[in-house]
Protein backbone atom coordinates (compact mmCIF):
# COMPACT_ATOMS: atom_id res chain seq x y z
CA MET A 1 0.00 0.00 0.00
CA PHE A 2 2.81 2.39 0.90
CA GLN A 3 4.44 2.00 -2.51
CA GLY A 4 1.07 2.49 -4.20
CA VAL A 5 0.50 5.73 -2.28
CA LEU A 6 3.97 6.98 -3.19
CA PHE A 7 3.49 5.99 -6.84
CA VAL A 8 0.23 7.94 -7.15
CA LEU A 9 1.60 10.98 -5.32
CA HIS A 10 4.78 10.96 -7.41
CA THR A 11 3.17 10.44 -10.82
CA GLY A 12 -0.02 12.42 -10.26
CA ILE A 13 -2.24 9.77 -11.78
CA ALA A 14 -5.77 9.36 -10.50
CA TRP A 15 -6.18 6.84 -7.69
CA GLU A 16 -8.54 4.72 -9.78
CA HIS A 17 -5.90 4.47 -12.53
CA LEU A 18 -3.27 2.81 -10.33
CA PRO A 19 -2.29 -0.26 -12.42
CA GLN A 20 -3.12 -3.54 -10.67
CA GLU A 21 -0.13 -5.13 -12.45
CA LEU A 22 2.24 -3.18 -10.20
CA GLY A 23 1.07 -5.19 -7.21
CA PHE A 24 0.26 -2.25 -4.94
CA GLY A 25 -3.40 -3.14 -4.49
CA SER A 26 -6.30 -1.09 -5.75
CA GLY A 27 -6.05 2.67 -6.00
CA MET A 28 -9.08 3.12 -3.73
CA THR A 29 -7.50 0.94 -1.03
CA CYS A 30 -4.28 2.96 -1.27
CA TRP A 31 -6.30 6.17 -1.03
CA ARG A 32 -8.10 4.89 2.09
CA ARG A 33 -4.77 3.94 3.70
CA LEU A 34 -3.39 7.39 2.94
CA ALA A 35 -6.41 8.97 4.62
CA GLU A 36 -6.12 6.65 7.64
CA TRP A 37 -2.38 7.24 8.02
CA THR A 38 -2.87 11.00 7.70
CA GLU A 39 -5.60 10.96 10.35
CA ALA A 40 -3.39 8.86 12.64
CA GLY A 41 -0.45 11.30 12.34
CA VAL A 42 1.82 8.79 10.63
CA TRP A 43 3.49 11.26 8.24
CA PRO A 44 5.02 13.68 10.79
CA ARG A 45 6.33 10.70 12.80
CA PHE A 46 7.68 9.06 9.64
CA HIS A 47 9.44 12.32 8.78
CA GLU A 48 11.04 12.49 12.24
CA VAL A 49 12.27 8.88 12.10
CA LEU A 50 13.65 9.34 8.59
CA LEU A 51 15.56 12.48 9.60
CA VAL A 52 17.05 10.74 12.65
CA LYS A 53 18.25 7.83 10.50
CA LEU A 54 19.69 10.13 7.82
CA ARG A 55 21.46 12.27 10.42
CA GLY A 56 22.86 9.10 11.97
CA VAL A 57 24.71 8.21 8.78
CA ASN A 58 25.54 11.82 7.88
CA ALA A 59 23.39 11.60 4.75
CA LEU A 60 21.70 15.00 4.90
CA ASP A 61 22.90 17.72 2.54
CA PHE A 62 21.65 21.15 3.54
CA SER A 63 23.59 22.97 0.81
CA ARG A 64 20.34 23.33 -1.18
CA ALA A 65 17.93 23.74 1.74
CA ALA A 66 15.39 26.56 1.91
CA VAL A 67 13.45 28.00 4.81
CA ASP A 68 9.75 28.61 4.27
CA GLY A 69 8.43 31.40 6.48
CA SER A 70 4.84 30.22 6.14
CA ARG A 71 5.53 27.54 8.77
CA ILE A 72 6.83 29.93 11.45
CA ARG A 73 4.51 30.29 14.41
CA VAL A 74 3.35 33.82 15.15
CA PHE A 75 2.66 34.80 18.73
CA GLU A 76 -0.11 37.14 19.83
CA GLY A 77 1.14 40.70 20.08
CA ALA A 78 3.79 40.27 17.40
CA PRO A 79 4.09 43.19 14.99
CA ARG A 80 1.90 42.95 11.93
CA PRO A 81 3.58 43.30 8.53
CA ASP A 82 2.28 46.85 8.17
CA GLU A 83 3.56 47.69 11.66
CA ALA A 84 7.00 46.09 11.32
CA SER A 85 9.92 48.41 11.83
CA LEU A 86 12.24 49.20 8.95
CA THR A 87 15.68 47.61 8.97
CA GLY A 88 17.46 50.27 6.94
CA ALA A 89 17.85 54.03 7.02
CA GLY A 90 16.12 54.61 3.72
CA ARG A 91 14.61 53.04 0.66
CA ALA A 92 16.48 50.33 -1.19
CA ALA A 93 18.07 51.22 -4.50
CA GLY A 94 16.17 50.13 -7.59
CA ILE A 95 17.66 47.49 -9.84
CA THR A 96 16.57 49.05 -13.12
């Protein structure tokens, strides 16, 4: 089932078009497992375990890593974007 879920997510095919010949089970069964695993919180735990194992063998390469600010928690009372203080003395120079 796991390989079937990964195959559909990687290829983008419709669940019902998952080829039975691949041996992953039916697309609908894979879809139900994905929903059950998501509900059970399997994916964040899987991510944690995978990172621990990769760190253990020094197999992580952060040279191409990016930080996404949309996942940063904002606390009540934090400045809003329109209230944020400026970091420089003036306007930035244009590039044109």
